[in-house]
Protein backbone atom coordinates (compact mmCIF):
# COMPACT_ATOMS: atom_id res chain seq x y z
CA MET A 1 112.22 94.64 80.46
CA SER A 2 115.02 92.55 82.02
CA ASP A 3 113.75 89.59 84.03
CA THR A 4 115.80 90.81 87.05
CA LEU A 5 114.96 93.87 89.18
CA ASP A 6 118.28 96.15 90.38
CA THR A 7 116.74 95.02 94.21
CA GLY A 8 117.76 91.40 93.21
CA PHE A 9 113.92 89.66 92.41
CA ARG A 10 113.76 86.77 90.29
CA ALA A 11 111.13 86.50 87.70
CA ARG A 12 108.80 83.26 88.54
CA PRO A 13 105.79 81.93 87.08
CA GLN A 14 102.66 84.16 87.61
CA ALA A 15 100.26 82.76 90.15
CA GLY A 16 96.88 81.84 88.90
CA SER A 17 93.60 83.04 89.84
CA GLY A 18 93.23 79.62 91.70
CA THR A 19 96.69 79.74 93.79
CA ARG A 20 95.93 79.07 97.82
CA ALA A 21 96.38 82.69 99.06
CA ARG A 22 100.28 82.42 101.09
CA VAL A 23 100.60 85.02 103.84
CA SER A 24 103.37 86.18 106.66
CA VAL A 25 103.67 87.42 110.47
CA ALA A 26 102.89 85.05 113.07
CA VAL A 27 99.77 85.45 115.00
CA VAL A 28 99.29 83.43 118.46
CA ALA A 29 95.58 84.38 118.25
CA LEU A 30 93.07 86.53 116.80
CA SER A 31 92.08 87.23 120.23
CA ILE A 32 95.15 88.79 121.15
CA LEU A 33 95.88 90.18 117.59
CA LEU A 34 92.08 92.48 118.14
CA VAL A 35 92.84 93.77 121.27
CA ALA A 36 96.30 94.21 120.23
CA GLY A 37 95.60 95.64 116.84
CA ALA A 38 95.90 99.31 116.51
CA ALA A 39 99.45 99.27 118.65
CA TRP A 40 100.31 97.01 116.33
CA VAL A 41 99.99 98.45 112.88
CA ARG A 42 101.46 101.81 114.74
CA SER A 43 104.64 99.75 116.01
CA ASN A 44 105.20 97.33 113.24
CA HIS A 45 103.38 98.74 109.99
CA SER A 46 105.35 102.03 107.82
CA ASP A 47 103.00 102.14 104.88
CA ALA A 48 101.61 105.65 103.50
CA GLY A 49 98.05 104.36 103.80
CA THR A 50 98.84 102.15 107.33
CA GLY A 51 99.41 104.43 110.25
CA GLY A 52 97.99 102.89 113.29
CA ILE A 53 95.23 106.03 113.47
CA LEU A 54 92.12 104.26 114.63
CA LYS A 55 91.70 104.06 118.50
CA LEU A 56 91.24 100.38 120.14
CA ALA A 57 87.67 101.46 120.44
CA ALA A 58 87.62 101.36 116.75
CA VAL A 59 88.19 97.78 116.88
CA ASP A 60 85.57 96.79 119.41
CA ALA A 61 83.39 99.01 117.53
CA ALA A 62 83.98 97.63 114.12
CA ILE A 63 84.13 93.79 115.92
CA SER A 64 80.64 94.68 117.32
CA GLU A 65 79.15 96.13 114.63
CA GLN A 66 78.56 99.09 116.41
CA SER A 67 77.73 102.54 114.73
CA ILE A 68 79.12 105.28 117.41
CA GLY A 69 79.78 107.93 114.45
CA GLY A 70 78.12 110.36 112.71
CA ASP A 71 77.15 111.64 109.14
CA ILE A 72 79.76 111.51 106.47
CA PRO A 73 79.86 115.46 105.24
CA PRO A 74 79.59 115.39 101.40
CA SER A 75 82.41 117.73 101.85
CA GLN A 76 84.42 114.52 102.39
CA ALA A 77 83.33 112.67 98.91
CA ILE A 78 86.15 112.97 95.94
CA SER A 79 84.85 111.89 92.29
CA VAL A 80 86.29 109.17 89.56
CA ALA A 81 87.31 112.24 88.10
CA THR A 82 88.97 113.95 90.74
CA LEU A 83 90.86 110.90 91.59
CA ALA A 84 92.23 110.61 88.39
CA ARG A 85 93.44 113.99 88.28
CA HIS A 86 95.57 113.81 91.10
CA VAL A 87 96.78 110.39 91.47
CA PRO A 88 99.99 109.25 89.07
CA GLN A 89 98.76 106.12 87.26
CA ILE A 90 101.36 104.41 88.77
CA ARG A 91 99.91 104.74 91.59
CA VAL A 92 96.66 103.71 90.37
CA GLU A 93 98.05 100.28 89.36
CA PHE A 94 99.26 99.63 92.41
CA GLU A 95 96.12 99.53 93.85
CA ARG A 96 94.47 97.33 90.72
CA SER A 97 97.33 94.72 90.89
CA ASP A 98 96.72 91.38 91.66
CA ASP A 99 100.52 90.75 91.59
CA LEU A 100 102.50 93.09 93.14
CA PHE A 101 106.16 91.23 91.87
CA GLY A 102 105.15 91.75 88.43
CA TYR A 103 103.69 95.51 88.95
CA MET A 104 107.17 96.10 90.87
CA GLN A 105 109.21 94.40 87.85
CA SER A 106 107.24 96.89 85.75
CA LEU A 107 108.67 99.61 87.39
CA GLU A 108 112.44 98.46 87.11
CA PRO A 109 113.10 101.13 84.13
CA ALA A 110 111.71 104.23 85.73
CA VAL A 111 113.80 102.88 89.11
CA ARG A 112 116.87 102.85 86.97
CA GLU A 113 116.48 106.45 85.63
CA GLY A 114 116.08 107.58 88.97
CA ASP A 115 112.22 108.13 89.17
CA ALA A 116 111.19 109.38 92.66
CA ASP A 117 107.76 107.93 92.10
CA ALA A 118 108.70 104.86 91.13
CA LYS A 119 110.74 104.37 93.52
CA TRP A 120 108.11 105.57 96.44
CA MET A 121 106.33 102.82 94.95
CA VAL A 122 108.66 100.34 95.60
CA SER A 123 108.95 100.98 98.88
CA ARG A 124 105.10 100.82 99.33
CA VAL A 125 105.65 96.71 97.59
CA TYR A 126 107.81 96.42 100.31
CA ASP A 127 105.94 97.36 102.74
CA TYR A 128 102.76 96.03 101.97
CA CYS A 129 103.94 92.61 100.94
CA SER A 130 106.88 92.27 103.94
CA GLY A 131 104.47 90.21 106.17
CA TYR A 132 103.59 87.85 104.01
CA ALA A 133 107.19 88.01 101.95
CA MET A 134 109.01 86.89 105.50
CA ALA A 135 107.36 83.80 106.24
CA PRO A 136 104.61 82.55 103.53
CA ALA A 137 104.22 79.31 105.28
CA ALA A 138 103.39 80.59 108.92
CA TYR A 139 101.64 83.16 107.35
CA ALA A 140 98.94 80.82 105.71
CA ARG A 141 98.94 78.78 108.64
CA ASP A 142 97.36 81.69 110.71
CA THR A 143 95.40 82.62 108.56
CA GLN A 144 93.47 79.27 108.62
CA VAL A 145 93.88 79.40 112.48
CA ILE A 146 92.16 82.90 112.08
CA ARG A 147 89.29 81.50 110.22
CA GLU A 148 88.68 78.35 111.89
CA MET A 149 88.30 80.32 115.48
CA ALA A 150 84.98 81.45 114.14
CA MET A 151 85.24 84.81 116.29
CA ARG A 152 82.89 87.64 114.43
CA GLY A 153 86.03 89.49 112.96
CA SER A 154 87.94 86.00 111.93
CA PRO A 155 86.13 85.89 107.76
CA ALA A 156 86.76 89.74 107.52
CA MET A 157 90.10 89.03 108.77
CA ALA A 158 90.84 85.88 106.61
CA ALA A 159 89.44 87.52 103.81
CA ALA A 160 91.92 90.32 104.06
CA ARG A 161 95.05 88.40 104.79
CA GLU A 162 93.98 85.96 101.73
CA ARG A 163 94.13 89.06 99.42
CA VAL A 164 97.70 90.39 100.37
CA GLY A 165 98.56 86.94 99.63
CA GLN A 166 97.20 86.75 96.66
CA ARG A 167 99.26 90.03 95.50
CA CYS A 168 102.10 89.19 96.98
CA SER A 169 102.50 85.34 96.34
CA ARG A 170 105.45 85.91 94.22
CA PHE A 171 107.29 86.78 96.76
CA VAL A 172 109.65 84.42 99.15
CA PRO A 173 111.78 85.43 101.85
CA GLN A 174 114.76 85.15 99.90
CA ASP A 175 113.85 88.39 98.40
CA ASP A 176 114.44 90.10 102.08
CA LEU A 177 111.48 92.52 101.70
CA SER A 178 112.56 93.04 105.79
CA PRO A 179 111.46 96.37 107.64
CA ARG A 180 114.89 97.31 107.49
CA MET A 181 115.55 96.94 103.60
CA ILE A 182 111.76 98.99 104.07
CA VAL A 183 113.66 101.70 105.15
CA VAL A 184 116.27 101.14 102.82
CA LYS A 185 113.85 101.91 99.96
CA ARG A 186 112.46 104.76 101.42
CA THR A 187 115.66 106.78 102.19
CA GLU A 188 116.30 105.80 98.36
CA ALA A 189 113.03 107.35 97.21
CA ALA A 190 113.51 110.26 99.58
CA GLU A 191 116.65 111.12 98.18
CA ALA A 192 115.29 110.78 94.65
CA GLY A 193 112.71 113.33 95.90
CA SER A 194 109.86 111.82 96.65
CA LEU A 195 108.01 113.92 99.26
CA ALA A 196 105.78 111.05 100.39
CA ALA A 197 108.91 109.03 101.45
CA GLU A 198 110.53 112.21 103.13
CA ALA A 199 107.22 112.42 105.12
CA SER A 200 106.93 108.70 105.67
CA LEU A 201 111.07 108.26 107.01
CA LEU A 202 109.91 111.46 109.68
CA ALA A 203 106.37 110.01 110.77
CA THR A 204 107.95 106.57 111.59
CA GLY A 205 110.95 108.29 113.32
CA LYS A 206 113.71 108.20 110.75
CA PRO A 207 113.83 111.77 109.31
CA VAL A 208 115.99 112.26 106.61
CA LYS A 209 117.51 115.47 108.88
CA GLN A 210 117.35 116.10 112.18
CA GLY A 211 115.79 118.77 113.97
CA GLU A 212 112.17 121.05 114.97
CA ALA A 213 113.11 123.29 112.20
CA TYR A 214 113.40 120.41 109.32
CA ALA A 215 110.36 118.81 110.63
CA ARG A 216 108.42 121.79 110.91
CA ASP A 217 109.58 122.41 107.36
CA LEU A 218 108.39 118.84 105.71
CA VAL A 219 104.78 119.19 107.30
CA GLU A 220 104.06 122.40 105.57
CA ARG A 221 105.73 121.22 102.07
CA VAL A 222 103.60 118.39 102.34
CA GLN A 223 100.41 120.32 103.14
CA GLU A 224 101.47 122.72 100.31
CA SER A 225 102.14 120.09 97.80
CA LYS A 226 98.58 118.33 98.25
CA ASP A 227 99.77 115.06 97.69
CA PRO A 228 97.50 112.40 99.09
CA ASP A 229 100.46 109.62 99.35
CA ALA A 230 102.48 112.41 101.21
CA TYR A 231 99.41 113.36 103.42
CA SER A 232 98.87 109.61 104.41
CA ALA A 233 102.42 108.90 104.86
CA LEU A 234 103.05 111.94 107.28
CA SER A 235 99.52 110.85 108.96
CA PRO A 236 101.18 108.75 111.71
CA GLY A 237 103.62 111.14 112.73
CA MET A 238 100.91 113.93 113.20
CA GLY A 239 98.85 112.32 116.17
CA ILE A 240 99.92 111.73 119.64
CA ALA A 241 103.31 111.04 118.43
CA SER A 242 103.60 114.61 117.65
CA SER A 243 102.20 115.82 121.34
CA GLY A 244 104.42 118.64 122.70
CA ARG A 245 106.09 119.08 120.09
CA VAL A 246 106.68 123.08 119.93
CA SER A 247 107.67 123.10 116.29
CA MET A 248 104.00 121.96 115.81
CA THR A 249 102.02 124.23 117.76
CA ASP A 250 99.74 125.88 115.39
CA GLN A 251 99.65 122.69 113.06
CA VAL A 252 96.97 120.23 112.94
CA SER A 253 98.69 117.61 114.75
CA GLY A 254 99.24 116.04 118.67
CA THR A 255 95.66 114.24 118.63
CA GLN A 256 94.34 111.07 117.54
CA PHE A 257 91.59 113.29 115.83
CA SER A 258 94.76 114.71 114.34
CA GLU A 259 95.95 112.21 112.51
CA LEU A 260 92.62 111.15 111.54
CA ALA A 261 92.20 114.42 109.94
CA TRP A 262 95.61 114.06 107.82
CA GLN A 263 94.56 110.38 106.63
CA LEU A 264 90.77 111.39 105.92
CA ALA A 265 92.21 114.79 104.07
CA ALA A 266 94.45 112.04 101.83
CA CYS A 267 91.21 110.25 100.83
CA ARG A 268 89.95 113.80 99.88
CA LEU A 269 92.77 114.20 97.77
CA GLY A 270 92.09 111.12 95.75
CA LEU A 271 94.19 108.70 97.66
CA ASP A 272 92.35 105.50 97.11
CA CYS A 273 90.22 104.44 100.34
CA GLY A 274 88.04 102.20 99.10
CA PRO A 275 86.81 98.83 100.42
CA GLN A 276 89.06 97.22 98.74
CA SER A 277 92.08 99.47 99.01
CA SER A 278 95.43 98.51 100.13
CA LEU A 279 94.78 100.97 102.74
CA MET A 280 91.88 99.10 104.21
CA THR A 281 93.09 95.58 103.31
CA THR A 282 95.92 96.31 105.72
CA TYR A 283 94.46 97.61 109.01
CA CYS A 284 91.96 94.80 108.56
CA ALA A 285 94.71 91.85 107.56
CA ASN A 286 98.03 93.25 109.86
CA GLY A 287 95.93 94.85 113.09
CA GLY A 288 92.11 93.09 112.98
CA ILE A 289 90.93 96.73 112.41
CA CYS A 290 87.87 95.35 109.91
CA SER A 291 84.87 97.02 108.84
CA ALA A 292 81.64 94.76 109.75
CA ASP A 293 80.31 96.20 106.43
CA PRO A 294 82.55 94.80 103.35
CA SER A 295 81.45 97.67 100.87
CA GLN A 296 82.67 100.33 103.65
CA ASP A 297 85.12 102.86 102.33
CA PHE A 298 87.89 104.27 104.89
CA THR A 299 86.03 107.48 105.30
CA SER A 300 82.49 105.89 106.38
CA PHE A 301 84.44 103.42 108.30
CA VAL A 302 86.01 106.13 110.65
CA TYR A 303 82.80 108.37 110.56
CA ASP A 304 81.25 104.96 111.99
CA ALA A 305 83.35 103.28 114.34
CA ALA A 306 86.03 105.52 115.14
CA ILE A 307 84.74 109.07 115.66
CA PRO A 308 82.42 109.72 118.53
CA ARG A 309 79.46 111.93 117.42
CA GLN A 310 80.92 114.82 119.83
CA GLY A 311 84.06 114.72 117.79
CA VAL A 312 82.85 115.05 114.12
CA ASP A 313 82.46 118.47 113.91
CA VAL A 314 86.60 118.23 115.76
CA VAL A 315 87.67 116.34 112.76
CA ASN A 316 85.47 117.99 110.43
CA ALA A 317 87.08 121.64 110.98
CA MET A 318 90.48 119.83 111.02
CA VAL A 319 90.35 118.01 107.59
CA ASP A 320 88.65 121.48 106.13
CA SER A 321 91.98 123.10 107.34
CA LEU A 322 94.54 120.73 105.93
CA MET A 323 92.58 121.14 102.65
CA ARG A 324 93.17 125.24 102.94
CA GLU A 325 96.04 126.66 100.70
CA LYS A 326 98.69 127.81 103.30
CA ARG A 327 99.90 131.02 103.72
CA THR A 328 103.20 132.00 101.75
CA ARG A 329 105.92 130.35 104.08
CA LYS A 330 108.78 132.40 105.14
């Protein structure tokens, strides 16, 4: 394998297990970040697993260790066997890798051959590591400030940021993991045929094509695909952002709960939503949305801290609707 990716990344010494985590994105103070957490995730992060779908109340609930949700329906559980059946290996390796620079190098042959899923995963690495790679030293300083503030949520948030730094430690600012390049990589993946990338671009307001007919067709294609990454990628665009859109009238869309429903459906379909998943880590590291229970997965966290009891049945019905087979499109 070549030491250099088409994207221009240089081969570097592998980070040792004792390497101090380095991370990015300036954080003025933990208190400000926690208050603005949900809004920050929505406006600054485009990853498939990280649309800003939790209410501000979820931040307060998690930090205060309050439980305001209902029980998780047994139907939402997904077995390891089901996960393996639904998720391509390169997506599993993304979640397992402690060296995302090396992981991305391993995708080089497939990327050169035009593999759509490989290009999608490259865009996910860009997205996940962008904050760290843009300013590693500043990110590390911010992490230390958060830890030293010793607020209730400080340890969890600092730990999540350190995990991001460890996984992304071989990237440097010159690699240009900028928001602009994330869009470039997503567009390349979409043009190669990645439905998840196409969904992500729609959700972040940069669709491959314009028009309500295209948007509706894409939503239907995502639902029919039962691709967990595509469901997750689309979720930010199916919440409040889609409210009032005529093309989405009879879709699961337009409310905060509908956004949650798409993400929860992605978890049920096999997206890694576990305690150490990129989804949970990113919410905590970038938005201060951290579970008080480090063993809690995303689904448990949502039902425990983001959905009031009176909303549980509504969300469950939405998720069940998304899991059903769609009628044949005209």
